[in-house]
Amino acid sequence: MHIHKLLLAACLPALTLFIWAHDPGNVQVVGVGGTFPGALYAKWIQEFGQTHKEFHFIYMPSGSTLGIEMVTSGQSDFGASDAPMTDQQQAHAKVPVLHFPAVVGAIVPIYNLPGVKQVLKFTPRALAGIYLGTIQVWNAPEIAGVNPGVALPSAKIVVVHSANGRGTTYVWTDYLSKVSEDWKSRVGKGTTVEWPVGKEAEGNGNVAKLVGQTPNSLGFVELNFALQNDLHFGEVCNAAGNFLRAGLANVRNAGASVESIRGNDFRVSITNAPGQGSYPIASYTWLLVPEKISDSSKRRAIKEFLQWMLQEGQSYAGPLGFSPLPQELADKERIAIEAIH
């Protein structure tokens, strides 16, 4: 991660100068952050650029932790993260930033069980136990009991997890911390945790590749990646006791579950959301924007992009596997944009 950060920091000025030399009329805005919404952000930048040709946005998907580090140190114009900054991170930031939820996404459990064609069901207890190492075989009662009629093998579960510093790690561990006291006390939540068991893979692509190559394995990736790559992913029992397979409707239900926002603080968790139809491993993904932007041209570019994102931009979410924001939340964000000065 440290080497990655140094390389990225070295490349950003050169990249900006290269683009400037080729199109000096554009306002250059560079962002760094999570890979989770990378495809959507690329689409947004493309479409926004069609009607705002004076602005040139660049997004470099390099992980949530690096996105936070780059924007709060002033090395990028904005950041993106699937994990909201902690109060401690906010307090130590060289550049204070505001959080703007962009869309609602989901993380799904993927698996490789040769011969099993059915969609598997997973309870919170089973998922926590598997990742704690207390549930070790596929035909354990905690798994077999909710999957009657499925010929589960007695093989050991090969556990795969996302690398530290990733937003998917945060969402997964945030969920497990809510549904399992053992997980909360032994491991906790964060972009970086001490995993009790499992093999590590860097990013959704490598997690999926490792699961795909490893019989009897279980991992987790974001919904869009699972859909685009036709991966086997299971149903998860939600807070109301219903098993749901992630989809745009039940992910949006989770996004709409937030009851209150404190001022302009949009750092809220929606994992294990209440409601009969709320998918339990869902999360906002955030754009991180400096509260104060001294360059008036960049300030205008970012504010106009945020307004566009919260209106026209939401229409591109569904086709890329994300759920649009609830209207009430988007309305609050549009007002909060005015705090950028």
Protein backbone atom coordinates (compact mmCIF):
# COMPACT_ATOMS: atom_id res chain seq x y z
CA MET A 1 0.00 0.00 0.00
CA HIS A 2 2.84 2.39 0.88
CA ILE A 3 4.59 1.76 -2.46
CA HIS A 4 1.28 2.10 -4.29
CA LYS A 5 0.70 5.46 -2.62
CA LEU A 6 4.16 6.74 -3.53
CA LEU A 7 3.78 5.70 -7.15
CA LEU A 8 0.35 7.28 -7.41
CA ALA A 9 1.53 10.51 -5.79
CA ALA A 10 4.40 10.67 -8.26
CA CYS A 11 2.18 10.00 -11.25
CA LEU A 12 -0.61 12.48 -10.51
CA PRO A 13 1.34 15.68 -11.30
CA ALA A 14 2.75 14.16 -14.50
CA LEU A 15 -0.69 12.95 -15.55
CA THR A 16 -2.22 16.36 -14.95
CA LEU A 17 0.55 18.13 -16.88
CA PHE A 18 0.14 15.69 -19.78
CA ILE A 19 -3.58 16.36 -20.05
CA TRP A 20 -3.09 20.09 -19.60
CA ALA A 21 -0.60 20.18 -22.44
CA HIS A 22 -3.07 18.46 -24.74
CA ASP A 23 -6.12 20.52 -23.76
CA PRO A 24 -5.22 23.69 -21.82
CA GLY A 25 -8.82 24.96 -21.97
CA ASN A 26 -10.11 22.30 -19.61
CA VAL A 27 -10.34 22.45 -15.83
CA GLN A 28 -8.57 19.30 -14.61
CA VAL A 29 -10.08 17.48 -11.61
CA VAL A 30 -8.40 14.28 -10.37
CA GLY A 31 -9.93 11.76 -7.97
CA VAL A 32 -8.60 8.61 -6.31
CA GLY A 33 -10.51 5.93 -4.43
CA GLY A 34 -12.51 2.74 -4.22
CA THR A 35 -12.77 0.17 -6.99
CA PHE A 36 -16.28 -0.79 -5.83
CA PRO A 37 -18.03 1.95 -7.90
CA GLY A 38 -15.24 2.37 -10.47
CA ALA A 39 -17.31 1.38 -13.52
CA LEU A 40 -20.12 3.73 -12.52
CA TYR A 41 -17.77 6.66 -11.91
CA ALA A 42 -16.18 6.10 -15.31
CA LYS A 43 -19.64 6.22 -16.90
CA TRP A 44 -20.56 9.36 -14.98
CA ILE A 45 -17.38 11.13 -16.04
CA GLN A 46 -18.03 10.19 -19.65
CA GLU A 47 -21.65 11.38 -19.64
CA PHE A 48 -20.99 14.51 -17.57
CA GLY A 49 -18.25 15.45 -20.01
CA GLN A 50 -20.70 15.40 -22.90
CA THR A 51 -22.53 18.44 -21.55
CA HIS A 52 -19.71 20.04 -19.52
CA LYS A 53 -16.82 20.08 -21.95
CA GLU A 54 -14.96 22.75 -19.99
CA PHE A 55 -14.30 20.24 -17.20
CA HIS A 56 -12.06 17.19 -17.42
CA PHE A 57 -12.51 14.65 -14.61
CA ILE A 58 -10.13 11.73 -14.05
CA TYR A 59 -10.83 8.91 -11.61
CA MET A 60 -8.15 6.43 -10.51
CA PRO A 61 -9.64 3.36 -8.74
CA SER A 62 -6.96 2.44 -6.21
CA GLY A 63 -8.83 1.42 -3.05
CA SER A 64 -10.82 3.23 -0.38
CA THR A 65 -7.95 3.66 2.08
CA LEU A 66 -5.73 5.27 -0.53
CA GLY A 67 -8.63 7.46 -1.66
CA ILE A 68 -9.02 8.81 1.87
CA GLU A 69 -5.27 9.36 2.26
CA MET A 70 -4.89 11.19 -1.05
CA VAL A 71 -7.76 13.65 -0.60
CA THR A 72 -7.14 14.39 3.08
CA SER A 73 -3.45 15.08 2.35
CA GLY A 74 -4.33 17.42 -0.52
CA GLN A 75 -2.73 15.19 -3.17
CA SER A 76 -5.98 14.68 -5.11
CA ASP A 77 -8.92 16.96 -5.81
CA PHE A 78 -11.47 14.48 -4.46
CA GLY A 79 -11.57 10.98 -3.07
CA ALA A 80 -13.96 8.07 -3.02
CA SER A 81 -14.52 5.41 -0.40
CA ASP A 82 -16.87 2.56 0.42
CA ALA A 83 -16.02 3.13 4.08
CA PRO A 84 -16.83 6.46 5.75
CA MET A 85 -13.98 8.17 7.54
CA THR A 86 -13.85 7.72 11.29
CA ASP A 87 -13.99 10.65 13.70
CA GLN A 88 -10.27 10.12 14.35
CA GLN A 89 -9.47 10.26 10.63
CA GLN A 90 -11.54 13.41 10.33
CA ALA A 91 -9.74 15.03 13.26
CA HIS A 92 -6.28 14.30 11.82
CA ALA A 93 -7.06 15.20 8.21
CA LYS A 94 -4.85 17.92 6.76
CA VAL A 95 -7.72 18.74 4.42
CA PRO A 96 -11.22 18.52 6.02
CA VAL A 97 -13.65 16.74 3.72
CA LEU A 98 -17.39 16.27 3.32
CA HIS A 99 -19.00 12.90 2.57
CA PHE A 100 -21.54 12.63 -0.25
CA PRO A 101 -23.29 9.27 -0.73
CA ALA A 102 -23.21 8.48 -4.45
CA VAL A 103 -25.31 5.31 -4.84
CA VAL A 104 -26.30 2.23 -2.84
CA GLY A 105 -24.33 -0.95 -3.43
CA ALA A 106 -24.21 -4.45 -2.00
CA ILE A 107 -21.73 -7.16 -1.12
CA VAL A 108 -22.68 -10.78 -1.82
CA PRO A 109 -21.29 -14.16 -0.70
CA ILE A 110 -19.89 -16.09 -3.68
CA TYR A 111 -19.01 -19.78 -3.61
CA ASN A 112 -17.54 -22.62 -5.65
CA LEU A 113 -19.22 -25.92 -4.84
CA PRO A 114 -18.84 -28.44 -7.69
CA GLY A 115 -22.09 -30.25 -8.35
CA VAL A 116 -24.27 -27.84 -6.34
CA LYS A 117 -26.60 -25.95 -8.66
CA GLN A 118 -29.04 -24.51 -6.12
CA VAL A 119 -28.77 -20.98 -4.76
CA LEU A 120 -27.51 -21.42 -1.20
CA LYS A 121 -28.96 -19.67 1.83
CA PHE A 122 -26.73 -18.16 4.52
CA THR A 123 -27.71 -17.02 8.01
CA PRO A 124 -25.76 -14.31 9.84
CA ARG A 125 -24.61 -16.99 12.29
CA ALA A 126 -23.24 -19.12 9.46
CA LEU A 127 -21.34 -16.30 7.77
CA ALA A 128 -19.84 -15.08 11.03
CA GLY A 129 -18.90 -18.63 12.03
CA ILE A 130 -17.25 -19.36 8.70
CA TYR A 131 -15.11 -16.23 8.87
CA LEU A 132 -14.29 -16.81 12.54
CA GLY A 133 -13.21 -20.35 11.73
CA THR A 134 -15.73 -21.95 14.07
CA ILE A 135 -17.75 -23.39 11.16
CA GLN A 136 -15.32 -25.33 9.00
CA VAL A 137 -17.22 -27.75 6.76
CA TRP A 138 -19.92 -27.20 4.16
CA ASN A 139 -22.39 -29.70 5.65
CA ALA A 140 -22.24 -28.11 9.11
CA PRO A 141 -25.71 -27.87 10.71
CA GLU A 142 -25.66 -24.05 10.51
CA ILE A 143 -25.48 -24.30 6.71
CA ALA A 144 -27.29 -27.56 5.99
CA GLY A 145 -30.21 -26.68 8.26
CA VAL A 146 -31.37 -23.80 6.06
CA ASN A 147 -30.58 -25.59 2.80
CA PRO A 148 -32.75 -28.75 2.93
CA GLY A 149 -32.47 -30.95 -0.10
CA VAL A 150 -29.04 -29.61 -1.10
CA ALA A 151 -26.30 -32.26 -1.21
CA LEU A 152 -23.65 -30.30 0.64
CA PRO A 153 -20.20 -31.94 0.80
CA SER A 154 -18.34 -32.70 4.00
CA ALA A 155 -15.36 -30.85 2.54
CA LYS A 156 -13.60 -28.12 4.49
CA ILE A 157 -14.63 -24.58 3.56
CA VAL A 158 -11.80 -22.66 1.90
CA VAL A 159 -12.33 -19.10 3.14
CA VAL A 160 -11.35 -16.18 0.90
CA HIS A 161 -11.44 -12.56 1.98
CA SER A 162 -10.70 -9.19 0.44
CA ALA A 163 -7.40 -7.49 1.17
CA ASN A 164 -7.04 -4.93 3.90
CA GLY A 165 -7.49 -1.32 2.90
CA ARG A 166 -10.52 -2.19 0.77
CA GLY A 167 -14.05 -0.87 1.07
CA THR A 168 -15.51 -4.35 0.61
CA THR A 169 -13.57 -5.40 3.72
CA TYR A 170 -15.21 -2.57 5.65
CA VAL A 171 -18.77 -3.35 4.51
CA TRP A 172 -18.40 -7.08 5.19
CA THR A 173 -16.90 -6.59 8.65
CA ASP A 174 -19.37 -3.84 9.52
CA TYR A 175 -22.16 -6.31 8.78
CA LEU A 176 -20.57 -9.15 10.76
CA SER A 177 -20.00 -6.80 13.72
CA LYS A 178 -23.73 -6.07 13.83
CA VAL A 179 -24.93 -9.67 13.60
CA SER A 180 -22.31 -11.43 15.73
CA GLU A 181 -21.13 -10.40 19.20
CA ASP A 182 -18.24 -12.84 18.85
CA TRP A 183 -17.10 -11.15 15.64
CA LYS A 184 -17.54 -7.69 17.15
CA SER A 185 -15.46 -8.50 20.22
CA ARG A 186 -12.79 -10.60 18.52
CA VAL A 187 -12.32 -8.82 15.17
CA GLY A 188 -14.49 -5.73 14.78
CA LYS A 189 -14.99 -3.61 11.70
CA GLY A 190 -12.75 -1.55 9.46
CA THR A 191 -10.98 -1.41 6.12
CA THR A 192 -8.15 -3.25 7.89
CA VAL A 193 -8.77 -6.10 10.35
CA GLU A 194 -6.97 -9.16 11.66
CA TRP A 195 -8.74 -11.96 9.83
CA PRO A 196 -9.03 -15.12 11.97
CA VAL A 197 -8.91 -17.42 8.91
CA GLY A 198 -8.79 -17.29 5.17
CA LYS A 199 -6.77 -16.52 2.08
CA GLU A 200 -6.38 -12.90 1.02
CA ALA A 201 -7.00 -11.55 -2.49
CA GLU A 202 -6.58 -7.98 -3.73
CA GLY A 203 -9.85 -6.54 -5.07
CA ASN A 204 -13.07 -8.03 -6.42
CA GLY A 205 -11.44 -9.50 -9.51
CA ASN A 206 -8.83 -11.44 -7.60
CA VAL A 207 -11.29 -12.60 -4.94
CA ALA A 208 -13.56 -13.95 -7.68
CA LYS A 209 -10.63 -15.53 -9.51
CA LEU A 210 -9.39 -17.29 -6.38
CA VAL A 211 -12.87 -18.58 -5.53
CA GLY A 212 -13.38 -19.68 -9.12
CA GLN A 213 -10.14 -21.64 -9.11
CA THR A 214 -10.64 -23.20 -5.66
CA PRO A 215 -13.26 -25.92 -5.14
CA ASN A 216 -15.27 -25.68 -1.89
CA SER A 217 -14.39 -22.02 -1.41
CA LEU A 218 -16.41 -19.04 -0.21
CA GLY A 219 -15.66 -15.35 -0.68
CA PHE A 220 -17.41 -12.00 -1.09
CA VAL A 221 -17.55 -9.40 -3.87
CA GLU A 222 -19.73 -6.47 -4.80
CA LEU A 223 -23.02 -7.22 -6.53
CA ASN A 224 -22.21 -5.54 -9.84
CA PHE A 225 -19.08 -7.63 -10.23
CA ALA A 226 -20.98 -10.83 -9.42
CA LEU A 227 -23.69 -10.03 -11.98
CA GLN A 228 -21.31 -9.04 -14.77
CA ASN A 229 -19.19 -12.15 -14.29
CA ASP A 230 -22.08 -14.60 -13.78
CA LEU A 231 -20.85 -15.72 -10.37
CA HIS A 232 -22.78 -18.00 -8.02
CA PHE A 233 -23.91 -15.96 -5.03
CA GLY A 234 -26.24 -16.79 -2.21
CA GLU A 235 -29.22 -15.47 -0.32
CA VAL A 236 -28.63 -13.87 3.07
CA CYS A 237 -31.10 -13.80 5.96
CA ASN A 238 -31.97 -10.19 6.82
CA ALA A 239 -32.91 -8.54 10.11
CA ALA A 240 -36.57 -9.44 9.58
CA GLY A 241 -35.75 -13.13 9.11
CA ASN A 242 -36.21 -13.23 5.33
CA PHE A 243 -33.69 -14.78 2.96
CA LEU A 244 -32.93 -12.37 0.12
CA ARG A 245 -30.72 -12.57 -2.94
CA ALA A 246 -29.30 -9.12 -3.60
CA GLY A 247 -31.09 -7.13 -6.28
CA LEU A 248 -31.69 -3.46 -7.06
CA ALA A 249 -35.05 -3.32 -5.26
CA ASN A 250 -33.97 -4.84 -1.94
CA VAL A 251 -30.68 -2.94 -1.97
CA ARG A 252 -32.59 0.29 -2.43
CA ASN A 253 -34.86 -0.69 0.47
CA ALA A 254 -31.76 -0.85 2.65
CA GLY A 255 -30.67 2.57 1.41
CA ALA A 256 -34.02 4.04 2.33
CA SER A 257 -33.86 2.68 5.89
CA VAL A 258 -31.94 5.61 7.37
CA GLU A 259 -34.20 7.55 9.69
CA SER A 260 -32.13 10.63 10.41
CA ILE A 261 -29.08 12.50 9.17
CA ARG A 262 -27.17 14.82 11.50
CA GLY A 263 -26.68 18.06 9.59
CA ASN A 264 -24.28 17.46 6.71
CA ASP A 265 -22.86 14.26 8.21
CA PHE A 266 -23.81 11.48 5.79
CA ARG A 267 -21.54 8.86 7.38
CA VAL A 268 -24.27 6.35 8.13
CA SER A 269 -24.26 2.55 8.06
CA ILE A 270 -27.10 0.62 6.41
CA THR A 271 -25.86 -2.94 6.94
CA ASN A 272 -28.42 -5.25 8.57
CA ALA A 273 -31.09 -2.63 7.85
CA PRO A 274 -34.61 -3.09 9.22
CA GLY A 275 -37.50 -3.98 6.93
CA GLN A 276 -38.99 -7.10 5.40
CA GLY A 277 -37.41 -6.41 2.02
CA SER A 278 -34.02 -4.91 2.92
CA TYR A 279 -30.92 -6.73 1.73
CA PRO A 280 -28.63 -6.94 4.77
CA ILE A 281 -25.12 -6.41 3.34
CA ALA A 282 -25.71 -3.06 1.64
CA SER A 283 -23.85 0.22 1.89
CA TYR A 284 -23.62 3.68 0.47
CA THR A 285 -20.44 4.49 -1.38
CA TRP A 286 -19.17 8.03 -0.80
CA LEU A 287 -17.46 10.79 -2.74
CA LEU A 288 -15.09 12.70 -0.45
CA VAL A 289 -14.82 16.38 -1.29
CA PRO A 290 -12.68 19.05 0.42
CA GLU A 291 -14.86 21.43 2.40
CA LYS A 292 -12.71 24.32 1.18
CA ILE A 293 -11.47 24.46 -2.43
CA SER A 294 -9.35 27.54 -3.09
CA ASP A 295 -9.28 27.08 -6.86
CA SER A 296 -12.60 28.61 -7.93
CA SER A 297 -12.64 26.73 -11.26
CA LYS A 298 -12.19 23.35 -9.59
CA ARG A 299 -14.73 24.29 -6.92
CA ARG A 300 -17.29 25.08 -9.61
CA ALA A 301 -16.48 21.86 -11.50
CA ILE A 302 -16.89 19.66 -8.44
CA LYS A 303 -20.09 21.32 -7.27
CA GLU A 304 -21.65 21.05 -10.72
CA PHE A 305 -20.59 17.41 -10.96
CA LEU A 306 -22.16 16.61 -7.59
CA GLN A 307 -25.44 18.27 -8.57
CA TRP A 308 -25.45 16.34 -11.86
CA MET A 309 -24.60 13.10 -10.02
CA LEU A 310 -27.59 13.50 -7.70
CA GLN A 311 -29.99 14.09 -10.58
CA GLU A 312 -29.14 12.83 -14.09
CA GLY A 313 -26.34 10.62 -12.80
CA GLN A 314 -28.66 8.41 -10.75
CA SER A 315 -30.26 7.06 -13.93
CA TYR A 316 -27.02 5.25 -14.79
CA ALA A 317 -26.84 3.38 -11.47
CA GLY A 318 -29.26 0.51 -12.17
CA PRO A 319 -27.71 -0.76 -15.43
CA LEU A 320 -24.36 -1.02 -13.63
CA GLY A 321 -25.66 -3.00 -10.66
CA PHE A 322 -26.19 -0.17 -8.17
CA SER A 323 -29.35 1.25 -6.68
CA PRO A 324 -30.13 4.97 -6.98
CA LEU A 325 -30.21 7.03 -3.82
CA PRO A 326 -33.51 7.59 -2.02
CA GLN A 327 -34.93 10.92 -3.17
CA GLU A 328 -35.03 12.35 0.34
CA LEU A 329 -31.33 11.69 0.82
CA ALA A 330 -30.42 13.16 -2.58
CA ASP A 331 -32.39 16.32 -1.74
CA LYS A 332 -30.45 16.74 1.51
CA GLU A 333 -27.17 16.28 -0.30
CA ARG A 334 -28.01 18.95 -2.88
CA ILE A 335 -28.41 21.42 -0.05
CA ALA A 336 -25.19 20.23 1.61
CA ILE A 337 -23.19 20.94 -1.55
CA GLU A 338 -23.47 24.62 -0.75
CA ALA A 339 -21.18 24.04 2.27
CA ILE A 340 -18.28 23.64 -0.17
CA HIS A 341 -16.56 27.02 -0.36
